N, C-alpha and C. Protein backbone atom coordinates (compact mmCIF):
# COMPACT_ATOMS: atom_id res chain seq x y z
N MET A 1 9.30 -5.39 6.13
CA MET A 1 8.13 -4.56 5.68
C MET A 1 8.57 -4.62 4.38
N PRO A 2 6.68 -5.51 3.71
CA PRO A 2 6.42 -4.40 2.27
C PRO A 2 5.98 -3.30 2.31
N SER A 3 5.05 -3.10 3.06
CA SER A 3 4.52 -1.89 3.36
C SER A 3 5.85 -0.73 3.54
N ARG A 4 6.39 -0.70 3.99
CA ARG A 4 7.74 0.15 4.26
C ARG A 4 8.36 -0.10 3.03
N ARG A 5 8.72 -1.37 2.33
CA ARG A 5 9.60 -1.10 1.61
C ARG A 5 8.57 -0.21 0.49
N LEU A 6 7.63 -0.38 0.18
CA LEU A 6 6.43 0.57 -0.51
C LEU A 6 7.07 1.89 -0.78
N THR A 7 6.65 1.96 0.53
CA THR A 7 6.82 3.74 0.61
C THR A 7 7.86 4.44 0.55
N ALA A 8 8.73 3.38 1.08
CA ALA A 8 10.63 3.72 0.78
C ALA A 8 10.23 3.83 -0.92
N THR A 9 9.75 3.63 -1.68
CA THR A 9 10.03 3.38 -3.16
C THR A 9 9.23 4.48 -3.34
N VAL A 10 8.09 4.88 -3.49
CA VAL A 10 7.01 6.07 -3.62
C VAL A 10 7.44 7.29 -3.16
N MET A 11 7.26 7.24 -2.02
CA MET A 11 6.80 8.35 -0.63
C MET A 11 8.02 9.74 -1.22
N GLY A 12 7.06 11.10 -1.54
CA GLY A 12 7.86 11.68 -2.03
C GLY A 12 8.97 12.01 -3.62
N LYS A 13 8.10 11.19 -4.64
CA LYS A 13 8.45 10.58 -5.66
C LYS A 13 7.35 10.79 -6.93
N ARG A 14 8.02 11.44 -7.83
CA ARG A 14 6.64 11.22 -8.88
C ARG A 14 6.58 9.99 -9.68
N LEU A 15 5.71 10.26 -9.14
CA LEU A 15 4.97 8.46 -10.27
C LEU A 15 4.20 8.89 -11.52
N LEU A 16 4.51 7.97 -12.39
CA LEU A 16 3.86 7.87 -13.64
C LEU A 16 3.01 6.46 -13.46
N VAL A 17 1.23 6.68 -13.64
CA VAL A 17 0.56 5.31 -13.26
C VAL A 17 0.29 4.96 -15.00
N GLU A 18 0.35 4.22 -15.56
CA GLU A 18 -0.05 4.13 -17.02
C GLU A 18 -1.29 3.08 -17.01
N LEU A 19 -2.38 3.68 -17.10
CA LEU A 19 -4.13 3.26 -17.43
C LEU A 19 -3.99 2.09 -18.05
N HIS A 20 -4.74 0.84 -17.67
CA HIS A 20 -4.85 -0.43 -18.50
C HIS A 20 -6.00 -0.81 -18.57
N GLN A 21 -6.89 -0.61 -17.86
CA GLN A 21 -8.09 -1.11 -17.79
C GLN A 21 -9.30 -0.78 -16.47
N LYS A 22 -10.71 -1.05 -16.57
CA LYS A 22 -11.38 -0.96 -15.59
C LYS A 22 -11.71 -2.49 -14.84
N ASP A 23 -11.73 -2.60 -13.51
CA ASP A 23 -12.09 -4.05 -13.35
C ASP A 23 -13.75 -3.92 -13.11
N GLN A 24 -13.86 -5.60 -12.30
CA GLN A 24 -15.75 -5.42 -12.19
C GLN A 24 -16.50 -4.61 -11.15
N TYR A 25 -15.07 -4.04 -10.84
CA TYR A 25 -16.04 -2.95 -9.53
C TYR A 25 -16.17 -1.52 -10.06
N GLY A 26 -15.15 -1.06 -11.50
CA GLY A 26 -15.16 -0.59 -12.27
C GLY A 26 -14.25 0.95 -11.62
N ARG A 27 -13.08 -0.15 -10.55
CA ARG A 27 -11.82 0.39 -10.39
C ARG A 27 -10.50 0.38 -11.83
N VAL A 28 -10.22 1.97 -11.49
CA VAL A 28 -8.88 1.53 -12.46
C VAL A 28 -7.73 0.37 -12.65
N VAL A 29 -7.58 0.07 -13.10
CA VAL A 29 -6.21 -1.16 -13.24
C VAL A 29 -5.31 -0.47 -13.83
N GLY A 30 -3.97 -0.12 -13.17
CA GLY A 30 -2.95 0.48 -14.15
C GLY A 30 -1.54 -0.28 -13.57
N MET A 31 -0.63 0.05 -14.13
CA MET A 31 0.51 -0.02 -13.94
C MET A 31 1.68 1.01 -13.36
N ALA A 32 2.36 1.15 -12.56
CA ALA A 32 3.03 2.41 -11.48
C ALA A 32 4.36 2.49 -12.26
N TYR A 33 4.80 3.66 -11.85
CA TYR A 33 6.33 4.00 -12.31
C TYR A 33 6.93 5.28 -11.47
N VAL A 34 8.04 4.97 -11.04
CA VAL A 34 8.78 6.06 -10.11
C VAL A 34 10.00 6.04 -10.99
N ARG A 35 10.88 7.69 -11.30
CA ARG A 35 11.50 8.05 -11.78
C ARG A 35 12.59 7.75 -10.86
N VAL A 36 13.73 7.26 -11.93
CA VAL A 36 15.13 7.17 -10.79
C VAL A 36 16.64 7.40 -11.19
N PHE A 37 17.41 7.34 -10.08
CA PHE A 37 18.96 8.09 -11.09
C PHE A 37 19.33 7.27 -12.08
N PRO A 38 19.19 7.64 -13.10
CA PRO A 38 19.08 8.82 -13.78
C PRO A 38 17.66 9.32 -14.23
N TRP A 39 17.44 10.65 -13.92
CA TRP A 39 16.21 10.84 -13.64
C TRP A 39 15.48 10.58 -14.90
N LEU A 40 15.58 10.78 -15.36
CA LEU A 40 14.82 10.40 -17.32
C LEU A 40 14.20 8.81 -17.40
N ARG A 41 15.35 7.86 -16.20
CA ARG A 41 14.97 6.37 -16.40
C ARG A 41 13.60 6.16 -15.46
N ARG A 42 12.75 5.45 -15.65
CA ARG A 42 11.74 4.68 -14.87
C ARG A 42 11.91 3.26 -14.60
N ARG A 43 11.32 2.93 -13.80
CA ARG A 43 10.92 1.71 -13.11
C ARG A 43 9.72 1.52 -12.60
N ASN A 44 9.33 0.13 -12.92
CA ASN A 44 8.14 -0.53 -12.65
C ASN A 44 8.10 -0.63 -11.25
N VAL A 45 6.97 -0.38 -10.18
CA VAL A 45 7.45 -0.30 -8.91
C VAL A 45 6.84 -1.85 -8.88
N SER A 46 5.98 -2.44 -9.66
CA SER A 46 5.64 -3.77 -9.43
C SER A 46 7.14 -4.74 -9.34
N ALA A 47 7.87 -4.13 -10.41
CA ALA A 47 9.19 -4.89 -10.55
C ALA A 47 9.78 -4.77 -9.62
N MET A 48 10.12 -4.07 -8.59
CA MET A 48 10.96 -3.45 -7.75
C MET A 48 10.31 -4.06 -6.46
N MET A 49 9.29 -4.17 -6.41
CA MET A 49 8.89 -5.01 -5.30
C MET A 49 9.16 -6.71 -5.39
N LEU A 50 8.84 -6.96 -6.66
CA LEU A 50 8.98 -8.51 -6.82
C LEU A 50 10.60 -8.96 -6.53
N GLU A 51 11.71 -7.98 -7.14
CA GLU A 51 12.85 -8.31 -7.26
C GLU A 51 13.33 -7.90 -5.51
N ALA A 52 12.23 -7.52 -4.81
CA ALA A 52 13.09 -7.28 -3.26
C ALA A 52 12.22 -8.41 -2.57
N GLY A 53 11.85 -9.34 -2.87
CA GLY A 53 11.17 -10.38 -2.41
C GLY A 53 9.73 -9.97 -1.37
N PHE A 54 8.92 -8.97 -1.73
CA PHE A 54 8.11 -8.26 -1.09
C PHE A 54 6.69 -8.30 -1.78
N ALA A 55 7.10 -8.74 -2.95
CA ALA A 55 5.39 -8.91 -3.57
C ALA A 55 5.49 -10.08 -4.14
N THR A 56 3.93 -10.71 -4.82
CA THR A 56 4.42 -11.99 -5.19
C THR A 56 3.49 -11.54 -6.55
N VAL A 57 3.12 -12.41 -7.74
CA VAL A 57 2.60 -12.12 -9.43
C VAL A 57 1.30 -12.73 -9.00
N TYR A 58 0.58 -11.91 -9.31
CA TYR A 58 -1.24 -11.80 -9.15
C TYR A 58 -1.48 -12.44 -10.43
N GLU A 59 -2.01 -13.26 -10.48
CA GLU A 59 -2.44 -14.70 -11.59
C GLU A 59 -3.74 -14.40 -11.99
N SER A 60 -4.59 -14.42 -10.59
CA SER A 60 -5.66 -14.44 -10.85
C SER A 60 -6.82 -13.99 -12.00
N ALA A 61 -7.95 -14.46 -12.30
CA ALA A 61 -9.19 -13.64 -13.28
C ALA A 61 -8.70 -11.99 -13.30
N GLY A 62 -8.71 -11.47 -14.19
CA GLY A 62 -8.51 -9.77 -13.93
C GLY A 62 -7.19 -9.11 -14.21
N ALA A 63 -6.45 -10.27 -14.04
CA ALA A 63 -5.05 -9.52 -13.44
C ALA A 63 -4.36 -8.63 -14.88
N VAL A 64 -3.50 -8.34 -14.70
CA VAL A 64 -3.26 -7.19 -15.75
C VAL A 64 -1.60 -7.18 -15.66
N HIS A 65 -0.83 -7.66 -16.30
CA HIS A 65 0.76 -7.52 -16.03
C HIS A 65 1.25 -6.61 -17.73
N ALA A 66 0.70 -6.13 -18.25
CA ALA A 66 0.99 -5.37 -19.41
C ALA A 66 2.65 -6.04 -19.82
N GLY A 67 2.29 -7.05 -20.36
CA GLY A 67 3.15 -7.53 -21.23
C GLY A 67 4.82 -8.26 -20.73
N GLN A 68 4.16 -8.09 -19.46
CA GLN A 68 5.40 -8.14 -18.85
C GLN A 68 5.29 -9.48 -17.21
N LEU A 69 4.46 -10.43 -17.80
CA LEU A 69 3.75 -11.76 -16.99
C LEU A 69 5.54 -12.42 -17.12
N ASP A 70 6.34 -13.06 -17.62
CA ASP A 70 7.46 -13.69 -18.20
C ASP A 70 8.33 -13.61 -17.13
N ARG A 71 8.26 -11.73 -17.33
CA ARG A 71 9.37 -10.96 -16.38
C ARG A 71 9.31 -11.12 -15.14
N PHE A 72 7.80 -10.75 -14.57
CA PHE A 72 7.47 -10.43 -13.24
C PHE A 72 7.93 -11.92 -12.70
N ARG A 73 7.41 -13.24 -13.43
CA ARG A 73 7.35 -14.59 -12.59
C ARG A 73 8.93 -14.36 -12.57
N ALA A 74 9.72 -13.92 -14.02
CA ALA A 74 11.36 -14.66 -13.33
C ALA A 74 12.00 -13.52 -12.21
N LEU A 75 11.55 -12.59 -11.83
CA LEU A 75 11.79 -11.76 -10.65
C LEU A 75 11.52 -12.13 -9.38
N GLU A 76 10.01 -12.92 -8.97
CA GLU A 76 9.70 -13.68 -8.08
C GLU A 76 10.33 -14.84 -8.32
N ALA A 77 10.66 -15.75 -9.39
CA ALA A 77 11.13 -16.65 -8.64
C ALA A 77 12.66 -16.66 -8.37
N ASN A 78 13.76 -15.43 -8.47
CA ASN A 78 14.98 -15.29 -8.20
C ASN A 78 14.95 -14.54 -6.83
N ALA A 79 13.70 -13.97 -6.65
CA ALA A 79 13.80 -13.51 -5.20
C ALA A 79 13.58 -14.63 -4.21
N LYS A 80 12.97 -15.53 -4.67
CA LYS A 80 12.33 -16.80 -3.96
C LYS A 80 13.98 -17.77 -3.88
N SER A 81 14.46 -18.05 -4.87
CA SER A 81 16.12 -18.48 -4.59
C SER A 81 17.10 -18.22 -4.14
N LYS A 82 16.69 -16.60 -3.72
CA LYS A 82 18.24 -16.09 -3.37
C LYS A 82 17.22 -15.46 -1.65
N ARG A 83 16.24 -16.27 -1.46
CA ARG A 83 15.39 -15.69 0.22
C ARG A 83 15.54 -14.69 0.57
N LYS A 84 14.86 -13.21 -0.77
CA LYS A 84 14.72 -11.85 -0.29
C LYS A 84 13.65 -11.84 0.43
N GLY A 85 13.62 -10.67 1.01
CA GLY A 85 11.93 -10.38 1.79
C GLY A 85 11.04 -11.42 2.15
N MET A 86 10.49 -11.74 2.12
CA MET A 86 8.73 -12.19 2.49
C MET A 86 9.56 -13.86 2.03
N TRP A 87 10.24 -14.23 0.79
CA TRP A 87 10.50 -15.41 1.36
C TRP A 87 11.49 -15.81 1.97
N VAL A 88 12.26 -15.29 3.20
CA VAL A 88 13.02 -15.74 3.83
C VAL A 88 12.65 -16.84 4.83
N GLN A 89 11.14 -16.56 5.58
CA GLN A 89 10.29 -17.80 5.73
C GLN A 89 10.87 -18.63 4.79
N SER A 90 9.93 -19.91 5.83
CA SER A 90 9.80 -21.25 4.98
C SER A 90 8.95 -21.28 4.15
N ALA A 91 9.17 -22.27 3.37
CA ALA A 91 7.57 -22.49 2.05
C ALA A 91 6.28 -22.93 2.63
N ARG A 92 6.50 -23.26 4.36
CA ARG A 92 4.91 -23.48 4.94
C ARG A 92 4.68 -22.37 5.49
N ALA A 93 5.37 -21.23 5.50
CA ALA A 93 4.71 -20.04 6.44
C ALA A 93 4.36 -19.19 5.38
N TYR A 94 4.55 -19.38 4.05
CA TYR A 94 3.98 -18.48 2.80
C TYR A 94 2.66 -18.68 2.83
N GLU A 95 1.29 -17.70 2.68
CA GLU A 95 0.10 -18.50 2.07
C GLU A 95 -0.35 -17.19 1.14
N SER A 96 -0.33 -17.59 0.02
CA SER A 96 -0.48 -16.57 -1.20
C SER A 96 -1.98 -16.07 -0.84
N PRO A 97 -2.13 -14.51 -1.74
CA PRO A 97 -3.08 -13.77 -1.34
C PRO A 97 -4.36 -14.60 -1.85
N ALA A 98 -4.62 -15.45 -2.97
CA ALA A 98 -5.78 -15.89 -3.25
C ALA A 98 -5.82 -17.32 -2.21
N ALA A 99 -5.42 -17.90 -1.35
CA ALA A 99 -5.14 -18.96 -0.52
C ALA A 99 -5.68 -18.37 0.83
N TYR A 100 -5.29 -16.98 1.00
CA TYR A 100 -5.79 -15.87 2.01
C TYR A 100 -7.09 -15.81 2.02
N LYS A 101 -7.71 -15.20 0.88
CA LYS A 101 -9.12 -15.04 0.57
C LYS A 101 -9.96 -15.99 0.44
N GLN A 102 -9.76 -17.55 -0.31
CA GLN A 102 -10.29 -18.12 0.10
C GLN A 102 -10.40 -18.81 1.49
N ARG A 103 -9.43 -18.66 2.10
CA ARG A 103 -9.72 -19.18 3.84
C ARG A 103 -10.98 -18.09 4.26
N PHE A 104 -10.69 -17.54 4.40
CA PHE A 104 -12.08 -16.46 4.64
C PHE A 104 -13.27 -16.12 4.08
N ARG A 105 -12.94 -16.66 3.28
CA ARG A 105 -14.38 -17.00 2.34
C ARG A 105 -15.48 -18.35 2.40
N SER A 106 -14.85 -19.26 2.72
CA SER A 106 -15.04 -20.37 3.33
C SER A 106 -15.39 -20.43 4.46
N PRO A 107 -16.92 -20.94 4.80
CA PRO A 107 -17.70 -20.89 6.15
C PRO A 107 -16.49 -21.91 6.93
């Protein structure tokens, strides 16, 4: 389950969040990093979740990728091809976040 994976990735660890901008609602948008062994090295939490197959690249308006869009797409494609995480399901079972939002917006 993605939420368990995310919790295991960050719980009890020191996080660094690079702030990038505010969204249309005034919320801060940033990129989170966690320190991993060796302790001086940091890893991008988004990349870790994509690599494990528990995330998808958000590409709608206002998306921030901090210059890593191509890398994120490659990580997602690799997870899909290896059927990791949520990609173990058939393609028909997957519903993108954008499609989910659209389904509930439509009357």
